[in-house]
Amino acid sequence: MTTLADIAMYGWIPVIAILFHGLPPRRAIVAAFLIAWLFLPWARYSIPGLPDFTKLSSTCVGVVLIGLIADPQHRFLRVRPRLYDIPMAVFCATPFATALSNELTPWDGLSAVAGTTITWGIPYWIGRAYFASREGLKELASTIVFGALIYIPFAFFEIAMSPRIHKIVYGWHASPIRTTRRAFGVYRPVVFLQNGLMLGMWMACATLIAFWYWRSRVPSRFGMLTALSLLFTTLACQSFGAIALMTGACLVLFTCESTRTKAALVALVAAIAAYPLLRSTGLWSGESAAGLVSDFFSSGRADSLRFRLDNEVLLVEKALERPMFGWGGYSRSHVFDDKGRDMTISDGLWIVTLGKYGFSGLVSLVGLFLLPCAKFIRKTPVVLWSEPRTAPAAVMMVVVVIYLGDCMFNAMINPLFIIAIGGLSGFVTLRLPPVTRGTSARMTNRSAPSGEADGARTPHAATCTQ
């Protein structure tokens, strides 16, 4: 590890203060999370008895502390609890009940609650406070696309030269090189993220947003060229799961628009939500999916899927020994052989959550994703999903859905997507003037309802009261 990594990590909170000084609060927040997520080192500093210090925790804590001081509107303190906040509250509180049910110390429980709150609760709270509006969700969606565009040259450098940028800048590889090699002498890029799967999902979501912006004629700097550039980069990242989710989401959106029904999206949501239920009860082995992957893609990808499914079977059996609150941390939910060697690898976020926090954690996790999405689907007519003022919220709702789909197979936390969940949870409770078919795409912020004007230096009433 180089000195630059230490400077970047420990000096990040002062940089957040500079961002708040020079930018409106909402823009400072998205800039802080985007820069941290895309460019800070993938490092973890252990603090005895407390959650690890990472680029996620430093950004979350820094944004809240500085936001409480620098934002004259004090939006963090003006968030009112709603029905849609219950799953997040349960998810953050469950680790304490888990610790007590496993005869761990109260400090273990409080430490786990702090870690879950920093990782999930604070980004969600930020979304509720600053992004629960049409303009807020539009800015968040645009930030994801902008960040993906910045990453294009870095991604293609590593595709050709191997994932080495993190090594060059910070002194170590964030992901083993051997796991990134692909056919024809190219590599799966990583840049400054955890692994190539995380980068592939980021690019896939940005591509989906860019295409829907172009299709819906959302006023922005992104056009068809942006969407095609991101699509080409996503395909070059060779992340099969991310590409499949992006393709499925595009097909769902276009099917809903052409048929004027929500059936395709409802089916996608139901399929994703049903996966942990079917797997945890043993009603579906997954062999049929592995067979399809083998027939249409390659035996190697099918073997990888079977390996994940076999691990899930072992982990589910162990998790069901403590079904309500799980086993807690310290790898207690893993399966070990007679010699004490770990026989399992926890890939999917759902199986990690089930093992650590039981069905209490798993149900609340799925609920915090799906409740705001279900409300949006019910509340917003499908004919308005491609209207310029509603399209950013619609596509961010679909991004949240496919991110949950990715979490079925990968335990990779992305704070910007969690912010989106919080923003949607607040947005679906707003009573906004209706947007009718044919609404002008050139509506100015002056004509927006209170709480949707961009800039965040002026009162943001509709958002503040959520």
Protein backbone atom coordinates (compact mmCIF):
# COMPACT_ATOMS: atom_id res chain seq x y z
CA MET A 1 0.00 0.00 0.00
CA THR A 2 1.39 3.37 -0.98
CA THR A 3 1.34 6.56 1.06
CA LEU A 4 -1.02 8.00 -1.54
CA ALA A 5 -3.68 5.48 -0.50
CA ASP A 6 -3.49 6.61 3.13
CA ILE A 7 -3.61 10.27 2.11
CA ALA A 8 -6.60 9.65 -0.16
CA MET A 9 -8.54 7.78 2.51
CA TYR A 10 -7.80 9.95 5.54
CA GLY A 11 -8.00 13.18 3.57
CA TRP A 12 -11.33 12.43 1.94
CA ILE A 13 -13.62 13.98 4.54
CA PRO A 14 -11.91 17.40 4.23
CA VAL A 15 -12.40 17.12 0.46
CA ILE A 16 -16.12 16.55 1.07
CA ALA A 17 -16.15 19.79 3.08
CA ILE A 18 -14.61 21.61 0.11
CA LEU A 19 -17.27 20.15 -2.20
CA PHE A 20 -20.04 21.40 0.10
CA HIS A 21 -18.41 24.83 0.20
CA GLY A 22 -18.29 25.17 -3.60
CA LEU A 23 -21.44 23.33 -4.73
CA PRO A 24 -25.12 23.20 -3.81
CA PRO A 25 -25.68 20.45 -1.21
CA ARG A 26 -27.33 17.91 -3.51
CA ARG A 27 -24.67 18.33 -6.17
CA ALA A 28 -21.92 18.13 -3.54
CA ILE A 29 -23.38 14.83 -2.33
CA VAL A 30 -23.48 13.17 -5.75
CA ALA A 31 -19.98 14.47 -6.51
CA ALA A 32 -18.65 13.09 -3.22
CA PHE A 33 -20.11 9.64 -3.74
CA LEU A 34 -19.17 9.48 -7.42
CA ILE A 35 -15.54 10.51 -6.91
CA ALA A 36 -15.11 8.28 -3.87
CA TRP A 37 -16.68 5.23 -5.47
CA LEU A 38 -14.84 5.52 -8.76
CA PHE A 39 -11.40 6.74 -7.67
CA LEU A 40 -10.60 6.10 -4.00
CA PRO A 41 -8.64 2.91 -3.23
CA TRP A 42 -10.40 -0.35 -2.46
CA ALA A 43 -8.97 -0.40 1.05
CA ARG A 44 -10.23 -1.49 4.44
CA TYR A 45 -8.78 -0.18 7.71
CA SER A 46 -9.68 -2.26 10.77
CA ILE A 47 -10.84 -0.38 13.87
CA PRO A 48 -11.20 -2.68 16.91
CA GLY A 49 -14.80 -2.84 18.07
CA LEU A 50 -16.04 -0.55 15.28
CA PRO A 51 -16.98 -0.95 11.61
CA ASP A 52 -14.06 -0.96 9.19
CA PHE A 53 -12.99 2.36 7.68
CA THR A 54 -13.57 2.19 3.91
CA LYS A 55 -14.28 4.63 1.11
CA LEU A 56 -17.97 3.91 1.60
CA SER A 57 -17.99 4.53 5.35
CA SER A 58 -15.80 7.65 5.11
CA THR A 59 -18.06 9.15 2.44
CA CYS A 60 -21.29 8.32 4.29
CA VAL A 61 -20.08 9.69 7.60
CA GLY A 62 -18.44 12.70 5.98
CA VAL A 63 -21.52 13.65 3.97
CA VAL A 64 -23.80 13.44 7.01
CA LEU A 65 -21.51 15.35 9.38
CA ILE A 66 -20.74 18.12 6.90
CA GLY A 67 -24.28 18.18 5.54
CA LEU A 68 -25.68 18.77 9.02
CA ILE A 69 -23.39 21.79 9.34
CA ALA A 70 -23.23 23.18 5.80
CA ASP A 71 -26.81 22.79 4.57
CA PRO A 72 -28.86 25.79 5.75
CA GLN A 73 -32.09 23.88 5.10
CA HIS A 74 -31.05 21.02 7.44
CA ARG A 75 -32.76 18.47 5.23
CA PHE A 76 -31.30 15.51 7.11
CA LEU A 77 -33.24 16.55 10.19
CA ARG A 78 -36.47 17.18 8.31
CA VAL A 79 -36.99 13.65 7.01
CA ARG A 80 -40.26 12.31 8.40
CA PRO A 81 -40.65 8.54 8.80
CA ARG A 82 -43.00 6.85 6.36
CA LEU A 83 -44.40 3.37 5.88
CA TYR A 84 -41.79 2.64 3.22
CA ASP A 85 -38.99 3.26 5.74
CA ILE A 86 -39.97 0.30 7.94
CA PRO A 87 -37.96 -2.33 6.00
CA MET A 88 -34.78 -0.26 6.27
CA ALA A 89 -35.33 0.31 9.99
CA VAL A 90 -35.86 -3.43 10.54
CA PHE A 91 -32.84 -4.32 8.40
CA CYS A 92 -30.56 -1.97 10.37
CA ALA A 93 -31.88 -3.13 13.76
CA THR A 94 -31.85 -6.89 13.08
CA PRO A 95 -28.09 -7.38 13.77
CA PHE A 96 -28.65 -6.49 17.43
CA ALA A 97 -31.36 -9.14 17.82
CA THR A 98 -29.05 -11.55 15.99
CA ALA A 99 -26.21 -10.92 18.42
CA LEU A 100 -28.43 -11.45 21.46
CA SER A 101 -30.00 -14.63 20.03
CA ASN A 102 -26.51 -16.08 19.45
CA GLU A 103 -25.29 -15.18 22.96
CA LEU A 104 -22.85 -12.64 21.59
CA THR A 105 -22.16 -9.46 23.52
CA PRO A 106 -24.35 -6.35 23.20
CA TRP A 107 -21.26 -4.58 21.87
CA ASP A 108 -21.10 -7.09 19.02
CA GLY A 109 -24.72 -6.27 18.24
CA LEU A 110 -24.21 -2.51 18.40
CA SER A 111 -21.11 -2.74 16.22
CA ALA A 112 -23.03 -4.76 13.62
CA VAL A 113 -25.92 -2.28 13.74
CA ALA A 114 -23.47 0.58 13.20
CA GLY A 115 -21.93 -1.20 10.21
CA THR A 116 -25.32 -1.90 8.62
CA THR A 117 -26.50 1.64 9.28
CA ILE A 118 -23.40 3.17 7.69
CA THR A 119 -23.53 0.86 4.67
CA TRP A 120 -27.28 0.90 4.06
CA GLY A 121 -29.10 3.28 6.37
CA ILE A 122 -27.12 6.46 5.74
CA PRO A 123 -27.20 6.27 1.90
CA TYR A 124 -30.94 5.54 2.14
CA TRP A 125 -31.41 8.51 4.47
CA ILE A 126 -29.46 10.71 2.04
CA GLY A 127 -31.76 9.59 -0.75
CA ARG A 128 -34.84 10.36 1.33
CA ALA A 129 -33.55 13.82 2.24
CA TYR A 130 -32.15 15.05 -1.08
CA PHE A 131 -33.33 12.90 -4.00
CA ALA A 132 -37.04 12.29 -3.35
CA SER A 133 -38.15 14.42 -6.30
CA ARG A 134 -38.18 14.28 -10.08
CA GLU A 135 -35.18 16.58 -10.33
CA GLY A 136 -33.32 14.72 -7.59
CA LEU A 137 -33.74 11.35 -9.27
CA LYS A 138 -32.83 12.89 -12.63
CA GLU A 139 -29.59 14.28 -11.19
CA LEU A 140 -28.76 10.94 -9.60
CA ALA A 141 -29.40 9.07 -12.86
CA SER A 142 -27.33 11.59 -14.82
CA THR A 143 -24.49 11.21 -12.32
CA ILE A 144 -24.38 7.44 -12.90
CA VAL A 145 -24.16 7.98 -16.67
CA PHE A 146 -21.50 10.67 -16.27
CA GLY A 147 -19.40 8.42 -14.06
CA ALA A 148 -19.64 5.57 -16.56
CA LEU A 149 -18.50 7.89 -19.38
CA ILE A 150 -15.46 8.90 -17.32
CA TYR A 151 -14.60 5.22 -16.85
CA ILE A 152 -14.65 4.30 -20.57
CA PRO A 153 -10.96 5.06 -21.33
CA PHE A 154 -9.82 3.40 -18.09
CA ALA A 155 -11.89 0.32 -18.88
CA PHE A 156 -10.47 -0.12 -22.37
CA PHE A 157 -6.93 0.40 -21.11
CA GLU A 158 -7.38 -2.50 -18.69
CA ILE A 159 -9.19 -4.64 -21.26
CA ALA A 160 -6.02 -4.48 -23.36
CA MET A 161 -3.33 -4.23 -20.69
CA SER A 162 -4.87 -6.12 -17.71
CA PRO A 163 -6.36 -4.56 -14.53
CA ARG A 164 -3.35 -2.64 -13.30
CA ILE A 165 -4.49 0.97 -12.71
CA HIS A 166 -5.23 0.35 -9.02
CA LYS A 167 -1.79 -1.24 -8.69
CA ILE A 168 -0.07 1.66 -10.45
CA VAL A 169 -1.78 4.34 -8.36
CA TYR A 170 -2.19 2.70 -4.96
CA GLY A 171 0.30 -0.16 -4.93
CA TRP A 172 -1.80 -3.33 -4.94
CA HIS A 173 -4.35 -5.19 -7.03
CA ALA A 174 -7.93 -4.86 -5.81
CA SER A 175 -8.83 -8.08 -7.65
CA PRO A 176 -6.59 -11.05 -8.53
CA ILE A 177 -5.39 -10.84 -12.13
CA ARG A 178 -6.03 -14.55 -12.73
CA THR A 179 -9.79 -14.02 -12.29
CA THR A 180 -9.91 -11.30 -14.95
CA ARG A 181 -8.38 -13.16 -17.93
CA ARG A 182 -10.71 -13.74 -20.82
CA ALA A 183 -10.46 -15.30 -24.28
CA PHE A 184 -8.43 -13.78 -27.12
CA GLY A 185 -5.86 -12.24 -24.79
CA VAL A 186 -8.14 -9.59 -23.25
CA TYR A 187 -9.15 -8.93 -19.66
CA ARG A 188 -12.21 -7.96 -17.66
CA PRO A 189 -11.55 -4.42 -16.36
CA VAL A 190 -11.74 -3.48 -12.69
CA VAL A 191 -10.19 0.04 -12.43
CA PHE A 192 -10.79 1.22 -8.82
CA LEU A 193 -13.78 -0.98 -8.00
CA GLN A 194 -13.89 -4.28 -6.13
CA ASN A 195 -13.95 -6.53 -9.19
CA GLY A 196 -15.03 -6.74 -12.82
CA LEU A 197 -18.56 -7.81 -11.91
CA MET A 198 -19.12 -4.55 -10.05
CA LEU A 199 -17.79 -2.53 -12.97
CA GLY A 200 -19.92 -4.48 -15.43
CA MET A 201 -23.08 -3.78 -13.42
CA TRP A 202 -22.24 -0.08 -13.18
CA MET A 203 -21.78 0.15 -16.94
CA ALA A 204 -24.95 -1.87 -17.62
CA CYS A 205 -27.10 0.41 -15.45
CA ALA A 206 -25.59 3.53 -17.00
CA THR A 207 -26.29 2.13 -20.48
CA LEU A 208 -29.92 1.45 -19.55
CA ILE A 209 -30.33 5.00 -18.24
CA ALA A 210 -28.68 6.56 -21.29
CA PHE A 211 -30.86 4.60 -23.71
CA TRP A 212 -34.04 5.51 -21.84
CA TYR A 213 -32.99 9.17 -21.69
CA TRP A 214 -32.50 9.12 -25.46
CA ARG A 215 -35.73 7.24 -26.10
CA SER A 216 -37.74 9.55 -23.84
CA ARG A 217 -36.07 12.75 -25.08
CA VAL A 218 -35.07 13.75 -21.57
CA PRO A 219 -33.30 17.14 -21.74
CA SER A 220 -29.66 16.32 -21.04
CA ARG A 221 -26.25 16.21 -22.63
CA PHE A 222 -26.63 12.50 -23.30
CA GLY A 223 -27.77 11.29 -26.69
CA MET A 224 -27.70 8.19 -28.82
CA LEU A 225 -23.91 8.37 -29.20
CA THR A 226 -23.56 8.26 -25.41
CA ALA A 227 -25.84 5.26 -25.17
CA LEU A 228 -24.02 3.37 -27.94
CA SER A 229 -20.60 4.13 -26.42
CA LEU A 230 -21.72 2.81 -23.06
CA LEU A 231 -23.31 -0.24 -24.67
CA PHE A 232 -20.08 -1.10 -26.46
CA THR A 233 -18.11 -0.70 -23.23
CA THR A 234 -20.59 -2.85 -21.29
CA LEU A 235 -20.26 -5.65 -23.82
CA ALA A 236 -16.48 -5.34 -23.73
CA CYS A 237 -16.51 -5.75 -19.93
CA GLN A 238 -17.78 -9.32 -20.53
CA SER A 239 -19.93 -9.51 -17.42
CA PHE A 240 -22.60 -12.01 -18.43
CA GLY A 241 -24.97 -11.36 -15.54
CA ALA A 242 -24.91 -7.57 -15.94
CA ILE A 243 -25.45 -7.82 -19.70
CA ALA A 244 -28.36 -10.23 -19.20
CA LEU A 245 -30.02 -7.96 -16.62
CA MET A 246 -29.52 -4.88 -18.82
CA THR A 247 -30.97 -6.67 -21.85
CA GLY A 248 -33.92 -7.97 -19.87
CA ALA A 249 -34.62 -4.51 -18.42
CA CYS A 250 -34.51 -2.89 -21.86
CA LEU A 251 -36.89 -5.49 -23.25
CA VAL A 252 -39.23 -5.02 -20.30
CA LEU A 253 -39.32 -1.24 -20.67
CA PHE A 254 -39.94 -1.34 -24.40
CA THR A 255 -42.55 -4.09 -24.00
CA CYS A 256 -44.41 -2.11 -21.35
CA GLU A 257 -44.32 1.00 -23.53
CA SER A 258 -45.51 -0.75 -26.68
CA THR A 259 -48.27 -2.77 -25.00
CA ARG A 260 -49.31 -0.04 -22.54
CA THR A 261 -49.35 -2.62 -19.77
CA LYS A 262 -47.13 -3.22 -16.75
CA ALA A 263 -47.28 -7.02 -16.97
CA ALA A 264 -43.69 -7.48 -18.19
CA LEU A 265 -42.18 -5.41 -15.38
CA VAL A 266 -44.41 -7.05 -12.76
CA ALA A 267 -43.23 -10.45 -14.04
CA LEU A 268 -39.57 -9.37 -13.78
CA VAL A 269 -40.05 -8.10 -10.23
CA ALA A 270 -41.90 -11.27 -9.23
CA ALA A 271 -39.20 -13.51 -10.71
CA ILE A 272 -36.41 -11.71 -8.86
CA ALA A 273 -38.33 -11.65 -5.56
CA ALA A 274 -39.22 -15.34 -5.92
CA TYR A 275 -35.62 -16.49 -6.32
CA PRO A 276 -34.61 -16.44 -2.62
CA LEU A 277 -37.95 -17.99 -1.66
CA LEU A 278 -37.60 -20.86 -4.11
CA ARG A 279 -33.95 -21.46 -3.26
CA SER A 280 -34.34 -21.26 0.51
CA THR A 281 -37.24 -23.73 0.47
CA GLY A 282 -35.60 -26.09 -2.03
CA LEU A 283 -38.50 -25.79 -4.48
CA TRP A 284 -36.12 -24.98 -7.34
CA SER A 285 -32.70 -26.54 -7.80
CA GLY A 286 -31.53 -24.17 -10.54
CA GLU A 287 -30.33 -26.99 -12.79
CA SER A 288 -32.65 -25.89 -15.56
CA ALA A 289 -31.03 -22.45 -15.58
CA ALA A 290 -27.56 -24.01 -15.70
CA GLY A 291 -28.68 -26.14 -18.63
CA LEU A 292 -29.88 -23.09 -20.54
CA VAL A 293 -26.61 -21.28 -19.89
CA SER A 294 -24.69 -24.32 -21.16
CA ASP A 295 -26.84 -24.57 -24.31
CA PHE A 296 -26.81 -20.89 -25.27
CA PHE A 297 -23.45 -19.69 -23.94
CA SER A 298 -20.72 -22.00 -22.68
CA SER A 299 -20.13 -24.94 -20.39
CA GLY A 300 -17.68 -22.83 -18.38
CA ARG A 301 -20.37 -20.31 -17.44
CA ALA A 302 -22.75 -23.17 -16.65
CA ASP A 303 -20.18 -24.76 -14.32
CA SER A 304 -19.70 -21.42 -12.58
CA LEU A 305 -23.46 -21.15 -12.03
CA ARG A 306 -23.65 -24.74 -10.71
CA PHE A 307 -20.83 -23.95 -8.28
CA ARG A 308 -22.82 -21.00 -6.92
CA LEU A 309 -25.99 -23.09 -6.65
CA ASP A 310 -24.19 -25.93 -4.84
CA ASN A 311 -22.76 -23.45 -2.33
CA GLU A 312 -26.21 -21.99 -1.77
CA VAL A 313 -27.59 -25.42 -0.88
CA LEU A 314 -24.97 -25.88 1.85
CA LEU A 315 -25.41 -22.35 3.16
CA VAL A 316 -29.22 -22.60 3.21
CA GLU A 317 -29.04 -25.81 5.26
CA LYS A 318 -26.82 -24.05 7.79
CA ALA A 319 -28.97 -20.89 7.80
CA LEU A 320 -32.16 -22.83 8.50
CA GLU A 321 -30.69 -24.00 11.78
CA ARG A 322 -31.28 -20.42 12.98
CA PRO A 323 -34.03 -19.21 10.65
CA MET A 324 -35.32 -16.12 12.44
CA PHE A 325 -32.24 -14.00 13.15
CA GLY A 326 -29.38 -16.01 11.63
CA TRP A 327 -25.89 -16.74 12.90
CA GLY A 328 -24.37 -13.27 12.99
CA GLY A 329 -20.86 -12.40 11.88
CA TYR A 330 -17.44 -14.01 12.28
CA SER A 331 -18.23 -16.50 9.46
CA ARG A 332 -20.56 -18.40 11.82
CA SER A 333 -23.00 -18.97 8.95
CA HIS A 334 -20.40 -20.79 6.84
CA VAL A 335 -19.97 -24.57 6.65
CA PHE A 336 -16.66 -26.07 7.85
CA ASP A 337 -15.22 -29.55 7.47
CA ASP A 338 -13.77 -31.71 10.25
CA LYS A 339 -10.43 -29.93 9.96
CA GLY A 340 -11.96 -26.49 10.33
CA ARG A 341 -11.61 -25.53 6.66
CA ASP A 342 -14.33 -23.38 5.15
CA MET A 343 -16.21 -25.42 2.55
CA THR A 344 -18.40 -22.61 1.23
CA ILE A 345 -18.16 -19.31 -0.60
CA SER A 346 -20.93 -16.76 -0.06
CA ASP A 347 -21.50 -14.96 -3.37
CA GLY A 348 -25.09 -13.73 -3.36
CA LEU A 349 -26.19 -10.94 -1.03
CA TRP A 350 -29.42 -12.80 -0.31
CA ILE A 351 -27.66 -15.91 1.00
CA VAL A 352 -25.19 -13.79 3.00
CA THR A 353 -28.11 -11.94 4.58
CA LEU A 354 -30.08 -15.12 5.27
CA GLY A 355 -27.08 -16.74 6.92
CA LYS A 356 -26.10 -13.74 9.03
CA TYR A 357 -29.50 -12.26 9.90
CA GLY A 358 -32.08 -14.93 9.06
CA PHE A 359 -35.43 -14.35 7.43
CA SER A 360 -35.86 -11.16 9.44
CA GLY A 361 -32.93 -9.63 7.58
CA LEU A 362 -33.74 -11.19 4.20
CA VAL A 363 -37.41 -10.16 4.12
CA SER A 364 -36.60 -6.60 5.18
CA LEU A 365 -33.79 -6.41 2.58
CA VAL A 366 -36.07 -7.49 -0.28
CA GLY A 367 -38.85 -5.27 1.06
CA LEU A 368 -36.78 -2.11 1.09
CA PHE A 369 -36.01 -2.68 -2.60
CA LEU A 370 -39.46 -3.66 -3.77
CA LEU A 371 -41.93 -1.57 -1.73
CA PRO A 372 -41.11 1.77 -3.43
CA CYS A 373 -40.88 0.07 -6.82
CA ALA A 374 -44.28 -1.57 -6.35
CA LYS A 375 -45.78 1.76 -5.30
CA PHE A 376 -44.30 3.49 -8.36
CA ILE A 377 -45.63 0.78 -10.68
CA ARG A 378 -49.10 1.07 -9.16
CA LYS A 379 -49.14 4.86 -8.94
CA THR A 380 -47.67 5.88 -12.31
CA PRO A 381 -49.43 5.00 -15.58
CA VAL A 382 -47.12 3.19 -17.97
CA VAL A 383 -47.87 5.74 -20.68
CA LEU A 384 -45.98 8.34 -18.61
CA TRP A 385 -42.81 6.28 -18.11
CA SER A 386 -41.34 7.71 -21.30
CA GLU A 387 -42.44 11.30 -20.62
CA PRO A 388 -39.37 13.55 -20.13
CA ARG A 389 -40.25 14.58 -16.57
CA THR A 390 -41.14 11.08 -15.38
CA ALA A 391 -38.62 9.02 -17.38
CA PRO A 392 -35.65 9.50 -14.97
CA ALA A 393 -37.72 8.23 -12.04
CA ALA A 394 -39.05 5.33 -14.13
CA VAL A 395 -35.64 4.19 -15.29
CA MET A 396 -34.16 4.54 -11.78
CA MET A 397 -36.97 2.32 -10.53
CA VAL A 398 -35.96 -0.32 -13.08
CA VAL A 399 -32.29 0.13 -12.12
CA VAL A 400 -33.22 -0.64 -8.50
CA VAL A 401 -35.05 -3.78 -9.65
CA ILE A 402 -32.13 -5.14 -11.69
CA TYR A 403 -29.69 -4.19 -8.93
CA LEU A 404 -31.73 -6.44 -6.64
CA GLY A 405 -31.48 -9.09 -9.36
CA ASP A 406 -27.70 -8.71 -9.32
CA CYS A 407 -27.73 -9.02 -5.52
CA MET A 408 -29.21 -12.50 -5.91
CA PHE A 409 -25.80 -13.62 -7.21
CA ASN A 410 -23.31 -11.01 -6.02
CA ALA A 411 -22.82 -9.36 -2.63
CA MET A 412 -21.61 -6.03 -4.00
CA ILE A 413 -22.84 -2.85 -2.32
CA ASN A 414 -23.15 0.30 -4.41
CA PRO A 415 -24.13 3.38 -2.36
CA LEU A 416 -25.51 5.31 -5.34
CA PHE A 417 -28.07 2.59 -5.95
CA ILE A 418 -29.03 2.62 -2.26
CA ILE A 419 -29.46 6.39 -2.48
CA ALA A 420 -31.80 5.71 -5.39
CA ILE A 421 -33.88 3.39 -3.19
CA GLY A 422 -34.20 6.14 -0.60
CA GLY A 423 -35.08 8.69 -3.26
CA LEU A 424 -37.78 6.46 -4.70
CA SER A 425 -39.17 5.71 -1.24
CA GLY A 426 -39.69 9.41 -0.67
CA PHE A 427 -40.77 10.19 -4.22
CA VAL A 428 -43.67 7.73 -4.25
CA THR A 429 -45.19 9.47 -1.21
CA LEU A 430 -45.22 12.92 -2.82
CA ARG A 431 -48.47 14.44 -4.07
CA LEU A 432 -47.22 15.96 -7.30
CA PRO A 433 -49.22 17.69 -10.01
CA PRO A 434 -49.96 15.09 -12.70
CA VAL A 435 -47.77 14.83 -15.77
CA THR A 436 -49.93 14.25 -18.81
CA ARG A 437 -49.00 12.79 -22.16
CA GLY A 438 -47.46 15.52 -24.28
CA THR A 439 -46.01 17.57 -21.43
CA SER A 440 -43.28 19.83 -22.74
CA ALA A 441 -39.80 18.45 -22.29
CA ARG A 442 -38.54 22.00 -21.88
CA MET A 443 -40.29 22.68 -18.57
CA THR A 444 -38.15 24.95 -16.48
CA ASN A 445 -37.43 24.56 -12.81
CA ARG A 446 -39.59 27.62 -12.16
CA SER A 447 -42.65 25.69 -13.26
CA ALA A 448 -41.82 22.65 -11.13
CA PRO A 449 -43.70 22.05 -7.90
CA SER A 450 -42.14 23.10 -4.63
CA GLY A 451 -39.30 20.77 -3.77
CA GLU A 452 -38.28 19.96 -7.37
CA ALA A 453 -36.24 22.99 -8.35
CA ASP A 454 -32.64 22.11 -8.98
CA GLY A 455 -29.75 23.66 -7.14
CA ALA A 456 -30.71 22.87 -3.54
CA ARG A 457 -29.68 26.33 -2.26
CA THR A 458 -33.34 27.37 -2.11
CA PRO A 459 -36.02 25.79 0.11
CA HIS A 460 -36.82 22.26 -1.00
CA ALA A 461 -40.13 21.88 0.77
CA ALA A 462 -41.58 18.79 -0.88
CA THR A 463 -38.42 16.84 -0.25
CA CYS A 464 -37.66 18.28 3.18
CA THR A 465 -40.95 17.18 4.64
CA GLN A 466 -40.49 13.52 3.66
